[in-house]
C-alpha atoms as a PDB file:
ATOM      1  CA  MET A   1    -160.345 101.011   5.044  1.00  0.00           C
ATOM      2  CA  LYS A   2    -158.516  97.855   5.735  1.00  0.00           C
ATOM      3  CA  GLN A   3    -159.342  95.418   8.630  1.00  0.00           C
ATOM      4  CA  GLN A   4    -156.733  92.809   9.710  1.00  0.00           C
ATOM      5  CA  CYS A   5    -158.337  89.449  10.541  1.00  0.00           C
ATOM      6  CA  PRO A   6    -155.825  87.216  12.557  1.00  0.00           C
ATOM      7  CA  ALA A   7    -155.661  83.480  12.617  1.00  0.00           C
ATOM      8  CA  LYS A   8    -155.858  81.612  15.881  1.00  0.00           C
ATOM      9  CA  ILE A   9    -154.359  78.472  17.428  1.00  0.00           C
ATOM     10  CA  ASN A  10    -155.765  76.394  20.389  1.00  0.00           C
ATOM     11  CA  LEU A  11    -153.002  76.007  23.141  1.00  0.00           C
ATOM     12  CA  PHE A  12    -155.348  73.670  24.830  1.00  0.00           C
ATOM     13  CA  LEU A  13    -158.630  71.835  23.706  1.00  0.00           C
ATOM     14  CA  GLU A  14    -160.717  69.438  25.611  1.00  0.00           C
ATOM     15  CA  VAL A  15    -164.087  68.269  24.537  1.00  0.00           C
ATOM     16  CA  THR A  16    -166.259  68.279  27.585  1.00  0.00           C
ATOM     17  CA  GLY A  17    -169.700  67.106  26.226  1.00  0.00           C
ATOM     18  CA  ARG A  18    -172.287  67.482  23.476  1.00  0.00           C
ATOM     19  CA  ARG A  19    -175.486  69.408  23.244  1.00  0.00           C
ATOM     20  CA  LYS A  20    -178.705  68.365  21.853  1.00  0.00           C
ATOM     21  CA  SER A  21    -178.178  70.827  18.950  1.00  0.00           C
ATOM     22  CA  GLY A  22    -175.160  68.756  17.938  1.00  0.00           C
ATOM     23  CA  TYR A  23    -172.660  71.261  19.005  1.00  0.00           C
ATOM     24  CA  HIS A  24    -169.863  69.958  21.225  1.00  0.00           C
ATOM     25  CA  THR A  25    -169.019  71.813  24.493  1.00  0.00           C
ATOM     26  CA  LEU A  26    -165.255  72.706  24.936  1.00  0.00           C
ATOM     27  CA  ALA A  27    -162.673  73.927  27.401  1.00  0.00           C
ATOM     28  CA  THR A  28    -160.136  75.674  25.256  1.00  0.00           C
ATOM     29  CA  LEU A  29    -157.387  78.390  25.345  1.00  0.00           C
ATOM     30  CA  PHE A  30    -157.452  80.503  22.214  1.00  0.00           C
ATOM     31  CA  ALA A  31    -154.515  82.564  21.092  1.00  0.00           C
ATOM     32  CA  LYS A  32    -154.396  85.029  18.168  1.00  0.00           C
ATOM     33  CA  ILE A  33    -151.317  84.714  15.979  1.00  0.00           C
ATOM     34  CA  ASN A  34    -149.491  86.953  13.507  1.00  0.00           C
ATOM     35  CA  ILE A  35    -150.994  85.378  10.210  1.00  0.00           C
ATOM     36  CA  TYR A  36    -153.744  87.501   8.696  1.00  0.00           C
ATOM     37  CA  ASP A  37    -156.432  87.726   6.184  1.00  0.00           C
ATOM     38  CA  VAL A  38    -157.220  91.248   5.130  1.00  0.00           C
ATOM     39  CA  LEU A  39    -160.521  92.957   4.313  1.00  0.00           C
ATOM     40  CA  ASP A  40    -160.507  96.050   2.237  1.00  0.00           C
ATOM     41  CA  MET A  41    -163.836  97.939   2.535  1.00  0.00           C
ATOM     42  CA  GLU A  42    -165.187 101.091   0.811  1.00  0.00           C
ATOM     43  CA  VAL A  43    -168.569 102.731   0.607  1.00  0.00           C
ATOM     44  CA  VAL A  44    -170.043 102.548  -2.781  1.00  0.00           C
ATOM     45  CA  GLY A  45    -173.461 103.136  -4.484  1.00  0.00           C
ATOM     46  CA  GLY A  46    -176.427 100.896  -3.817  1.00  0.00           C
ATOM     47  CA  ASN A  47    -177.639  99.437  -0.564  1.00  0.00           C
ATOM     48  CA  LYS A  48    -175.848  96.129   0.040  1.00  0.00           C
ATOM     49  CA  ALA A  49    -172.474  94.526   0.493  1.00  0.00           C
ATOM     50  CA  THR A  50    -170.594  92.882  -2.282  1.00  0.00           C
ATOM     51  CA  LEU A  51    -167.594  90.630  -1.995  1.00  0.00           C
ATOM     52  CA  GLU A  52    -164.505  89.929  -4.169  1.00  0.00           C
ATOM     53  CA  ILE A  53    -161.866  87.393  -3.058  1.00  0.00           C
ATOM     54  CA  VAL A  54    -158.140  87.626  -3.892  1.00  0.00           C
ATOM     55  CA  ASP A  55    -156.834  84.060  -3.174  1.00  0.00           C
ATOM     56  CA  GLU A  56    -153.118  84.588  -2.353  1.00  0.00           C
ATOM     57  CA  LEU A  57    -152.706  81.077  -1.326  1.00  0.00           C
ATOM     58  CA  GLY A  58    -154.216  79.570  -4.505  1.00  0.00           C
ATOM     59  CA  THR A  59    -154.888  76.262  -2.778  1.00  0.00           C
ATOM     60  CA  MET A  60    -158.715  75.849  -2.730  1.00  0.00           C
ATOM     61  CA  PRO A  61    -161.587  77.603  -4.469  1.00  0.00           C
ATOM     62  CA  LEU A  62    -163.572  79.777  -2.050  1.00  0.00           C
ATOM     63  CA  SER A  63    -167.053  80.872  -2.951  1.00  0.00           C
ATOM     64  CA  ALA A  64    -167.692  84.675  -2.964  1.00  0.00           C
ATOM     65  CA  GLY A  65    -171.533  83.889  -3.058  1.00  0.00           C
ATOM     66  CA  PRO A  66    -174.159  84.403  -0.345  1.00  0.00           C
ATOM     67  CA  ASP A  67    -172.975  81.428   1.701  1.00  0.00           C
ATOM     68  CA  ASN A  68    -169.574  83.042   2.309  1.00  0.00           C
ATOM     69  CA  LEU A  69    -169.185  83.959   5.995  1.00  0.00           C
ATOM     70  CA  VAL A  70    -168.102  87.585   5.158  1.00  0.00           C
ATOM     71  CA  LEU A  71    -171.374  88.165   3.261  1.00  0.00           C
ATOM     72  CA  ARG A  72    -173.468  86.383   5.951  1.00  0.00           C
ATOM     73  CA  ALA A  73    -171.873  88.630   8.605  1.00  0.00           C
ATOM     74  CA  ALA A  74    -172.390  91.673   6.476  1.00  0.00           C
ATOM     75  CA  ARG A  75    -176.158  90.746   5.851  1.00  0.00           C
ATOM     76  CA  ALA A  76    -176.608  90.274   9.664  1.00  0.00           C
ATOM     77  CA  PHE A  77    -174.924  93.600  10.373  1.00  0.00           C
ATOM     78  CA  TYR A  78    -177.156  95.393   7.765  1.00  0.00           C
ATOM     79  CA  ARG A  79    -180.269  94.039   9.451  1.00  0.00           C
ATOM     80  CA  GLU A  80    -179.223  94.808  12.990  1.00  0.00           C
ATOM     81  CA  PHE A  81    -177.908  98.403  12.314  1.00  0.00           C
ATOM     82  CA  ARG A  82    -180.375  99.180   9.407  1.00  0.00           C
ATOM     83  CA  VAL A  83    -177.580 100.155   7.086  1.00  0.00           C
ATOM     84  CA  GLY A  84    -178.718 101.842   3.875  1.00  0.00           C
ATOM     85  CA  VAL A  85    -175.532 102.308   1.907  1.00  0.00           C
ATOM     86  CA  GLY A  86    -173.550  99.948  -0.451  1.00  0.00           C
ATOM     87  CA  VAL A  87    -170.134  98.540   0.741  1.00  0.00           C
ATOM     88  CA  LYS A  88    -167.576  96.841  -1.578  1.00  0.00           C
ATOM     89  CA  ILE A  89    -165.566  94.262   0.381  1.00  0.00           C
ATOM     90  CA  VAL A  90    -162.349  92.744  -0.992  1.00  0.00           C
ATOM     91  CA  LEU A  91    -161.095  89.701   0.994  1.00  0.00           C
ATOM     92  CA  TYR A  92    -157.339  88.955   0.602  1.00  0.00           C
ATOM     93  CA  LYS A  93    -157.148  85.281   1.640  1.00  0.00           C
ATOM     94  CA  ARG A  94    -153.913  84.304   3.304  1.00  0.00           C
ATOM     95  CA  ILE A  95    -154.960  82.020   6.119  1.00  0.00           C
ATOM     96  CA  PRO A  96    -155.202  78.280   4.879  1.00  0.00           C
ATOM     97  CA  MET A  97    -158.792  76.953   4.945  1.00  0.00           C
ATOM     98  CA  GLY A  98    -159.655  73.754   6.674  1.00  0.00           C
ATOM     99  CA  ALA A  99    -156.511  74.164   8.869  1.00  0.00           C
ATOM    100  CA  GLY A 100    -158.025  74.782  12.304  1.00  0.00           C
ATOM    101  CA  LEU A 101    -156.823  78.323  12.271  1.00  0.00           C
ATOM    102  CA  GLY A 102    -160.183  80.007  12.327  1.00  0.00           C
ATOM    103  CA  GLY A 103    -159.750  81.925   9.136  1.00  0.00           C
ATOM    104  CA  GLY A 104    -163.437  81.963   8.090  1.00  0.00           C
ATOM    105  CA  SER A 105    -164.645  82.985  11.584  1.00  0.00           C
ATOM    106  CA  SER A 106    -161.988  85.685  11.831  1.00  0.00           C
ATOM    107  CA  ASP A 107    -163.160  87.073   8.416  1.00  0.00           C
ATOM    108  CA  ALA A 108    -166.662  87.128   9.822  1.00  0.00           C
ATOM    109  CA  ALA A 109    -165.649  88.944  13.009  1.00  0.00           C
ATOM    110  CA  GLY A 110    -163.481  91.296  10.886  1.00  0.00           C
ATOM    111  CA  THR A 111    -166.468  92.073   8.738  1.00  0.00           C
ATOM    112  CA  LEU A 112    -168.605  93.115  11.653  1.00  0.00           C
ATOM    113  CA  LEU A 113    -165.805  95.190  13.288  1.00  0.00           C
ATOM    114  CA  GLY A 114    -164.755  96.676  10.032  1.00  0.00           C
ATOM    115  CA  LEU A 115    -168.343  97.731   9.158  1.00  0.00           C
ATOM    116  CA  ALA A 116    -168.733  99.503  12.428  1.00  0.00           C
ATOM    117  CA  ARG A 117    -165.412 101.343  11.808  1.00  0.00           C
ATOM    118  CA  LEU A 118    -166.247 102.196   8.238  1.00  0.00           C
ATOM    119  CA  LEU A 119    -169.850 103.355   8.953  1.00  0.00           C
ATOM    120  CA  GLN A 120    -168.648 105.213  12.176  1.00  0.00           C
ATOM    121  CA  ILE A 121    -171.028 103.250  14.419  1.00  0.00           C
ATOM    122  CA  ASN A 122    -169.869 103.726  18.100  1.00  0.00           C
ATOM    123  CA  LEU A 123    -169.625 100.328  19.654  1.00  0.00           C
ATOM    124  CA  THR A 124    -171.199 100.772  23.166  1.00  0.00           C
ATOM    125  CA  ALA A 125    -171.371  97.785  25.341  1.00  0.00           C
ATOM    126  CA  ALA A 126    -174.929  97.245  24.076  1.00  0.00           C
ATOM    127  CA  LYS A 127    -173.810  97.282  20.486  1.00  0.00           C
ATOM    128  CA  LYS A 128    -170.898  94.966  21.294  1.00  0.00           C
ATOM    129  CA  LYS A 129    -173.446  92.524  22.782  1.00  0.00           C
ATOM    130  CA  LYS A 130    -175.354  92.693  19.599  1.00  0.00           C
ATOM    131  CA  LEU A 131    -172.197  91.737  17.523  1.00  0.00           C
ATOM    132  CA  HIS A 132    -171.502  88.931  20.000  1.00  0.00           C
ATOM    133  CA  ASP A 133    -174.977  87.574  19.322  1.00  0.00           C
ATOM    134  CA  ILE A 134    -174.653  87.791  15.597  1.00  0.00           C
ATOM    135  CA  GLY A 135    -171.246  86.170  15.923  1.00  0.00           C
ATOM    136  CA  VAL A 136    -172.501  83.124  17.875  1.00  0.00           C
ATOM    137  CA  LYS A 137    -175.004  82.503  14.987  1.00  0.00           C
ATOM    138  CA  LEU A 138    -172.233  82.656  12.395  1.00  0.00           C
ATOM    139  CA  GLY A 139    -169.804  80.267  14.051  1.00  0.00           C
ATOM    140  CA  ALA A 140    -168.546  79.079  17.429  1.00  0.00           C
ATOM    141  CA  ASP A 141    -165.028  80.811  17.095  1.00  0.00           C
ATOM    142  CA  VAL A 142    -166.498  84.178  15.869  1.00  0.00           C
ATOM    143  CA  PRO A 143    -166.960  85.657  19.375  1.00  0.00           C
ATOM    144  CA  PHE A 144    -163.291  85.164  20.205  1.00  0.00           C
ATOM    145  CA  PHE A 145    -162.237  87.215  17.133  1.00  0.00           C
ATOM    146  CA  LEU A 146    -164.577  89.943  18.225  1.00  0.00           C
ATOM    147  CA  LYS A 147    -162.757  90.419  21.533  1.00  0.00           C
ATOM    148  CA  ASP A 148    -159.786  92.742  22.011  1.00  0.00           C
ATOM    149  CA  ALA A 149    -158.035  90.073  24.048  1.00  0.00           C
ATOM    150  CA  ASN A 150    -155.196  88.079  22.553  1.00  0.00           C
ATOM    151  CA  PHE A 151    -155.763  85.132  24.743  1.00  0.00           C
ATOM    152  CA  CYS A 152    -159.074  83.767  25.961  1.00  0.00           C
ATOM    153  CA  ARG A 153    -160.113  80.801  28.036  1.00  0.00           C
ATOM    154  CA  ALA A 154    -163.423  79.608  26.468  1.00  0.00           C
ATOM    155  CA  THR A 155    -166.145  77.167  27.418  1.00  0.00           C
ATOM    156  CA  GLY A 156    -169.644  76.440  26.198  1.00  0.00           C
ATOM    157  CA  ILE A 157    -169.299  75.832  22.382  1.00  0.00           C
ATOM    158  CA  GLY A 158    -166.438  78.313  22.540  1.00  0.00           C
ATOM    159  CA  ASP A 159    -168.523  81.365  22.954  1.00  0.00           C
ATOM    160  CA  ARG A 160    -168.180  81.914  26.720  1.00  0.00           C
ATOM    161  CA  LEU A 161    -164.941  83.699  26.883  1.00  0.00           C
ATOM    162  CA  LYS A 162    -162.660  84.891  29.673  1.00  0.00           C
ATOM    163  CA  PRO A 163    -159.667  86.965  28.683  1.00  0.00           C
ATOM    164  CA  VAL A 164    -156.389  85.788  29.923  1.00  0.00           C
ATOM    165  CA  LYS A 165    -153.558  88.320  30.476  1.00  0.00           C
ATOM    166  CA  ILE A 166    -150.187  86.849  29.563  1.00  0.00           C
ATOM    167  CA  PRO A 167    -147.734  89.697  30.394  1.00  0.00           C
ATOM    168  CA  LYS A 168    -144.621  88.179  28.781  1.00  0.00           C
ATOM    169  CA  SER A 169    -144.486  87.377  25.040  1.00  0.00           C
ATOM    170  CA  LEU A 170    -144.524  83.706  24.196  1.00  0.00           C
ATOM    171  CA  PRO A 171    -141.631  82.288  22.168  1.00  0.00           C
ATOM    172  CA  PHE A 172    -141.498  82.308  18.294  1.00  0.00           C
ATOM    173  CA  MET A 173    -143.630  79.715  16.782  1.00  0.00           C
ATOM    174  CA  VAL A 174    -143.195  77.383  13.789  1.00  0.00           C
ATOM    175  CA  LEU A 175    -146.553  76.512  12.196  1.00  0.00           C
ATOM    176  CA  VAL A 176    -147.090  74.211   9.149  1.00  0.00           C
ATOM    177  CA  TRP A 177    -150.168  73.529   7.156  1.00  0.00           C
ATOM    178  CA  PRO A 178    -149.599  70.079   5.414  1.00  0.00           C
ATOM    179  CA  GLY A 179    -151.712  71.228   2.438  1.00  0.00           C
ATOM    180  CA  PHE A 180    -154.973  69.224   2.992  1.00  0.00           C
ATOM    181  CA  PRO A 181    -158.040  70.267   4.932  1.00  0.00           C
ATOM    182  CA  SER A 182    -159.384  68.496   7.957  1.00  0.00           C
ATOM    183  CA  PRO A 183    -163.277  68.100   8.218  1.00  0.00           C
ATOM    184  CA  THR A 184    -164.379  69.705  11.534  1.00  0.00           C
ATOM    185  CA  GLY A 185    -167.719  67.716  12.007  1.00  0.00           C
ATOM    186  CA  PRO A 186    -166.281  64.273  11.493  1.00  0.00           C
ATOM    187  CA  VAL A 187    -163.251  64.975  13.642  1.00  0.00           C
ATOM    188  CA  PHE A 188    -165.413  65.861  16.666  1.00  0.00           C
ATOM    189  CA  THR A 189    -167.614  62.805  16.265  1.00  0.00           C
ATOM    190  CA  ALA A 190    -164.653  60.415  15.762  1.00  0.00           C
ATOM    191  CA  ILE A 191    -162.932  61.018  19.123  1.00  0.00           C
ATOM    192  CA  PRO A 192    -163.056  57.964  21.363  1.00  0.00           C
ATOM    193  CA  PRO A 193    -165.198  57.872  24.508  1.00  0.00           C
ATOM    194  CA  ARG A 194    -163.582  59.263  27.625  1.00  0.00           C
ATOM    195  CA  ARG A 195    -164.134  58.972  31.488  1.00  0.00           C
ATOM    196  CA  ARG A 196    -165.320  61.924  33.194  1.00  0.00           C
ATOM    197  CA  SER A 197    -162.310  61.646  35.539  1.00  0.00           C
ATOM    198  CA  ASP A 198    -160.035  61.885  32.592  1.00  0.00           C
ATOM    199  CA  ILE A 199    -161.781  65.103  31.477  1.00  0.00           C
ATOM    200  CA  LEU A 200    -161.466  66.551  35.017  1.00  0.00           C
ATOM    201  CA  THR A 201    -157.774  65.732  35.083  1.00  0.00           C
ATOM    202  CA  ARG A 202    -157.189  67.550  31.692  1.00  0.00           C
ATOM    203  CA  LEU A 203    -159.026  70.514  33.010  1.00  0.00           C
ATOM    204  CA  SER A 204    -156.767  70.802  35.954  1.00  0.00           C
ATOM    205  CA  GLN A 205    -153.861  70.697  33.444  1.00  0.00           C
ATOM    206  CA  LEU A 206    -155.353  73.732  31.784  1.00  0.00           C
ATOM    207  CA  ASP A 207    -155.347  75.609  35.039  1.00  0.00           C
ATOM    208  CA  LYS A 208    -151.809  74.725  35.536  1.00  0.00           C
ATOM    209  CA  LEU A 209    -150.930  75.794  31.882  1.00  0.00           C
ATOM    210  CA  ILE A 210    -152.450  79.164  32.405  1.00  0.00           C
ATOM    211  CA  ARG A 211    -150.641  79.851  35.660  1.00  0.00           C
ATOM    212  CA  ARG A 212    -147.273  79.029  33.981  1.00  0.00           C
ATOM    213  CA  LEU A 213    -147.973  81.253  31.107  1.00  0.00           C
ATOM    214  CA  LYS A 214    -149.046  84.139  33.255  1.00  0.00           C
ATOM    215  CA  THR A 215    -145.816  83.920  35.261  1.00  0.00           C
ATOM    216  CA  GLY A 216    -143.659  83.863  32.197  1.00  0.00           C
ATOM    217  CA  ARG A 217    -142.034  80.441  32.564  1.00  0.00           C
ATOM    218  CA  PRO A 218    -139.954  79.084  29.720  1.00  0.00           C
ATOM    219  CA  VAL A 219    -141.539  76.733  27.128  1.00  0.00           C
ATOM    220  CA  GLU A 220    -139.789  73.775  28.749  1.00  0.00           C
ATOM    221  CA  GLU A 221    -141.948  74.229  31.798  1.00  0.00           C
ATOM    222  CA  TRP A 222    -145.339  74.418  29.946  1.00  0.00           C
ATOM    223  CA  GLY A 223    -144.915  72.856  26.548  1.00  0.00           C
ATOM    224  CA  GLY A 224    -145.844  69.467  27.999  1.00  0.00           C
ATOM    225  CA  LEU A 225    -149.198  70.841  29.193  1.00  0.00           C
ATOM    226  CA  LEU A 226    -150.378  71.901  25.788  1.00  0.00           C
ATOM    227  CA  PHE A 227    -153.154  69.467  24.684  1.00  0.00           C
ATOM    228  CA  ASN A 228    -155.675  68.776  21.961  1.00  0.00           C
ATOM    229  CA  ARG A 229    -158.263  66.074  22.458  1.00  0.00           C
ATOM    230  CA  LEU A 230    -159.222  66.114  18.706  1.00  0.00           C
ATOM    231  CA  GLU A 231    -155.652  64.598  17.884  1.00  0.00           C
ATOM    232  CA  GLN A 232    -157.166  61.413  19.122  1.00  0.00           C
ATOM    233  CA  ALA A 233    -159.964  61.308  16.430  1.00  0.00           C
ATOM    234  CA  GLU A 234    -159.969  57.953  14.769  1.00  0.00           C
ATOM    235  CA  LEU A 235    -159.814  59.161  11.201  1.00  0.00           C
ATOM    236  CA  PRO A 236    -157.109  58.653   8.377  1.00  0.00           C
ATOM    237  CA  VAL A 237    -156.380  62.371   8.247  1.00  0.00           C
ATOM    238  CA  MET A 238    -155.059  62.197  11.795  1.00  0.00           C
ATOM    239  CA  ALA A 239    -152.371  59.746  10.784  1.00  0.00           C
ATOM    240  CA  GLU A 240    -150.929  62.432   8.473  1.00  0.00           C
ATOM    241  CA  VAL A 241    -151.251  65.150  11.202  1.00  0.00           C
ATOM    242  CA  ALA A 242    -149.473  62.836  13.688  1.00  0.00           C
ATOM    243  CA  GLN A 243    -146.596  62.481  11.024  1.00  0.00           C
ATOM    244  CA  ALA A 244    -146.289  66.220  10.792  1.00  0.00           C
ATOM    245  CA  ARG A 245    -146.078  66.487  14.488  1.00  0.00           C
ATOM    246  CA  ARG A 246    -143.328  63.984  14.635  1.00  0.00           C
ATOM    247  CA  ILE A 247    -141.291  65.790  11.987  1.00  0.00           C
ATOM    248  CA  LEU A 248    -141.581  69.020  13.829  1.00  0.00           C
ATOM    249  CA  GLU A 249    -140.542  67.411  17.128  1.00  0.00           C
ATOM    250  CA  SER A 250    -137.519  65.814  15.391  1.00  0.00           C
ATOM    251  CA  ALA A 251    -136.540  69.364  14.139  1.00  0.00           C
ATOM    252  CA  GLY A 252    -136.381  70.577  17.833  1.00  0.00           C
ATOM    253  CA  VAL A 253    -139.769  72.241  17.934  1.00  0.00           C
ATOM    254  CA  LYS A 254    -141.219  72.168  21.517  1.00  0.00           C
ATOM    255  CA  GLY A 255    -144.832  71.798  22.649  1.00  0.00           C
ATOM    256  CA  VAL A 256    -145.970  70.560  19.196  1.00  0.00           C
ATOM    257  CA  ARG A 257    -149.760  70.255  18.822  1.00  0.00           C
ATOM    258  CA  MET A 258    -152.560  70.409  16.247  1.00  0.00           C
ATOM    259  CA  SER A 259    -154.629  73.505  16.150  1.00  0.00           C
ATOM    260  CA  GLY A 260    -158.403  73.177  16.575  1.00  0.00           C
ATOM    261  CA  SER A 261    -159.738  70.211  14.441  1.00  0.00           C
ATOM    262  CA  GLY A 262    -156.579  70.410  12.269  1.00  0.00           C
ATOM    263  CA  SER A 263    -154.950  70.074   9.957  1.00  0.00           C
ATOM    264  CA  SER A 264    -152.304  72.681  10.883  1.00  0.00           C
ATOM    265  CA  VAL A 265    -149.588  71.911  13.426  1.00  0.00           C
ATOM    266  CA  PHE A 266    -147.564  74.345  15.577  1.00  0.00           C
ATOM    267  CA  GLY A 267    -144.838  74.403  18.136  1.00  0.00           C
ATOM    268  CA  PHE A 268    -142.335  76.702  19.793  1.00  0.00           C
ATOM    269  CA  ILE A 269    -138.683  77.507  19.395  1.00  0.00           C
ATOM    270  CA  SER A 270    -136.196  79.337  21.517  1.00  0.00           C
ATOM    271  CA  THR A 271    -135.009  81.936  19.103  1.00  0.00           C
ATOM    272  CA  HIS A 272    -135.849  83.576  15.720  1.00  0.00           C
ATOM    273  CA  ALA A 273    -132.592  82.307  14.327  1.00  0.00           C
ATOM    274  CA  GLU A 274    -133.436  78.780  15.326  1.00  0.00           C
ATOM    275  CA  GLY A 275    -136.874  79.237  13.879  1.00  0.00           C
ATOM    276  CA  VAL A 276    -135.233  80.283  10.479  1.00  0.00           C
ATOM    277  CA  CYS A 277    -133.150  77.097  10.484  1.00  0.00           C
ATOM    278  CA  VAL A 278    -136.249  74.922  11.162  1.00  0.00           C
ATOM    279  CA  VAL A 279    -138.239  76.557   8.443  1.00  0.00           C
ATOM    280  CA  ARG A 280    -135.386  75.977   5.968  1.00  0.00           C
ATOM    281  CA  ARG A 281    -135.327  72.376   6.951  1.00  0.00           C
ATOM    282  CA  LEU A 282    -139.049  71.891   6.613  1.00  0.00           C
ATOM    283  CA  ARG A 283    -139.035  73.296   3.045  1.00  0.00           C
ATOM    284  CA  ALA A 284    -138.190  69.664   1.984  1.00  0.00           C
ATOM    285  CA  TYR A 285    -141.834  68.828   2.581  1.00  0.00           C
ATOM    286  CA  PRO A 286    -144.862  69.952   0.405  1.00  0.00           C
ATOM    287  CA  TRP A 287    -146.125  72.108   3.164  1.00  0.00           C
ATOM    288  CA  LYS A 288    -147.042  75.747   3.845  1.00  0.00           C
ATOM    289  CA  VAL A 289    -144.611  76.847   6.565  1.00  0.00           C
ATOM    290  CA  TYR A 290    -144.725  79.901   8.764  1.00  0.00           C
ATOM    291  CA  LEU A 291    -142.360  81.413  11.244  1.00  0.00           C
ATOM    292  CA  THR A 292    -144.697  83.524  13.478  1.00  0.00           C
ATOM    293  CA  SER A 293    -145.759  84.295  16.977  1.00  0.00           C
ATOM    294  CA  CYS A 294    -148.773  84.834  19.261  1.00  0.00           C
ATOM    295  CA  HIS A 295    -150.039  88.370  19.591  1.00  0.00           C
ATOM    296  CA  GLY A 296    -148.085  90.168  22.311  1.00  0.00           C
END
């Protein structure tokens, strides 16, 4: 059985505070996009899950040991649902790591959902709640990937989710990964202090963005409302991200933003043909370049 694990972008991300646990609280708008890792699962002998990784990007080594989120998710699932069979999992890694695209979190959620399908466990509301609780412990983005919704407004640490229905498909997207990872923890701690009034102004901007997306307005009317507070982190990596953003903007890409804590950068184009031209132009840079879209 195969389980697709989509990447995500943050169309909006404001940091609203910090908890005693060290986690930052957010107001964000998640969107699933059409770039995927794939999990291949089969029941085998034994009584535990094993993991093999096929790295199709060939960019960074990824451990298949017990610290891997896929195996951590599988162990938590086995404990919660008292699984007594062996499962072989092969992860085909296609989402860049350290890119702000949520690949590890999506793989963890895909593991939970995939095991439920493979082992024919009916996910009642109570069992979905159990998966959510497991997901929160694995990572702040995991609960979003457990949701059926393609777009979610999220608060808390990203775990309080409200699906957003966007009836009209968004335009095609150009996404680039500049080839280097961005360190999540240091990025969050390196953002400059903000006044509460500034945060409240940004949150009203999120309300306006969601309204315009829901009514199917063209990108020219909402691209300027996209926002990511983490772009302001005072770290050297952000200078390189800013350069990538400028290059996309000069190529005619609209609403260009960094996703999550970086380092990937995305924006929107009017037509697929225009996107093909932009992708061709960006091949001059040592980047991984995608022409993709949000889930419709």
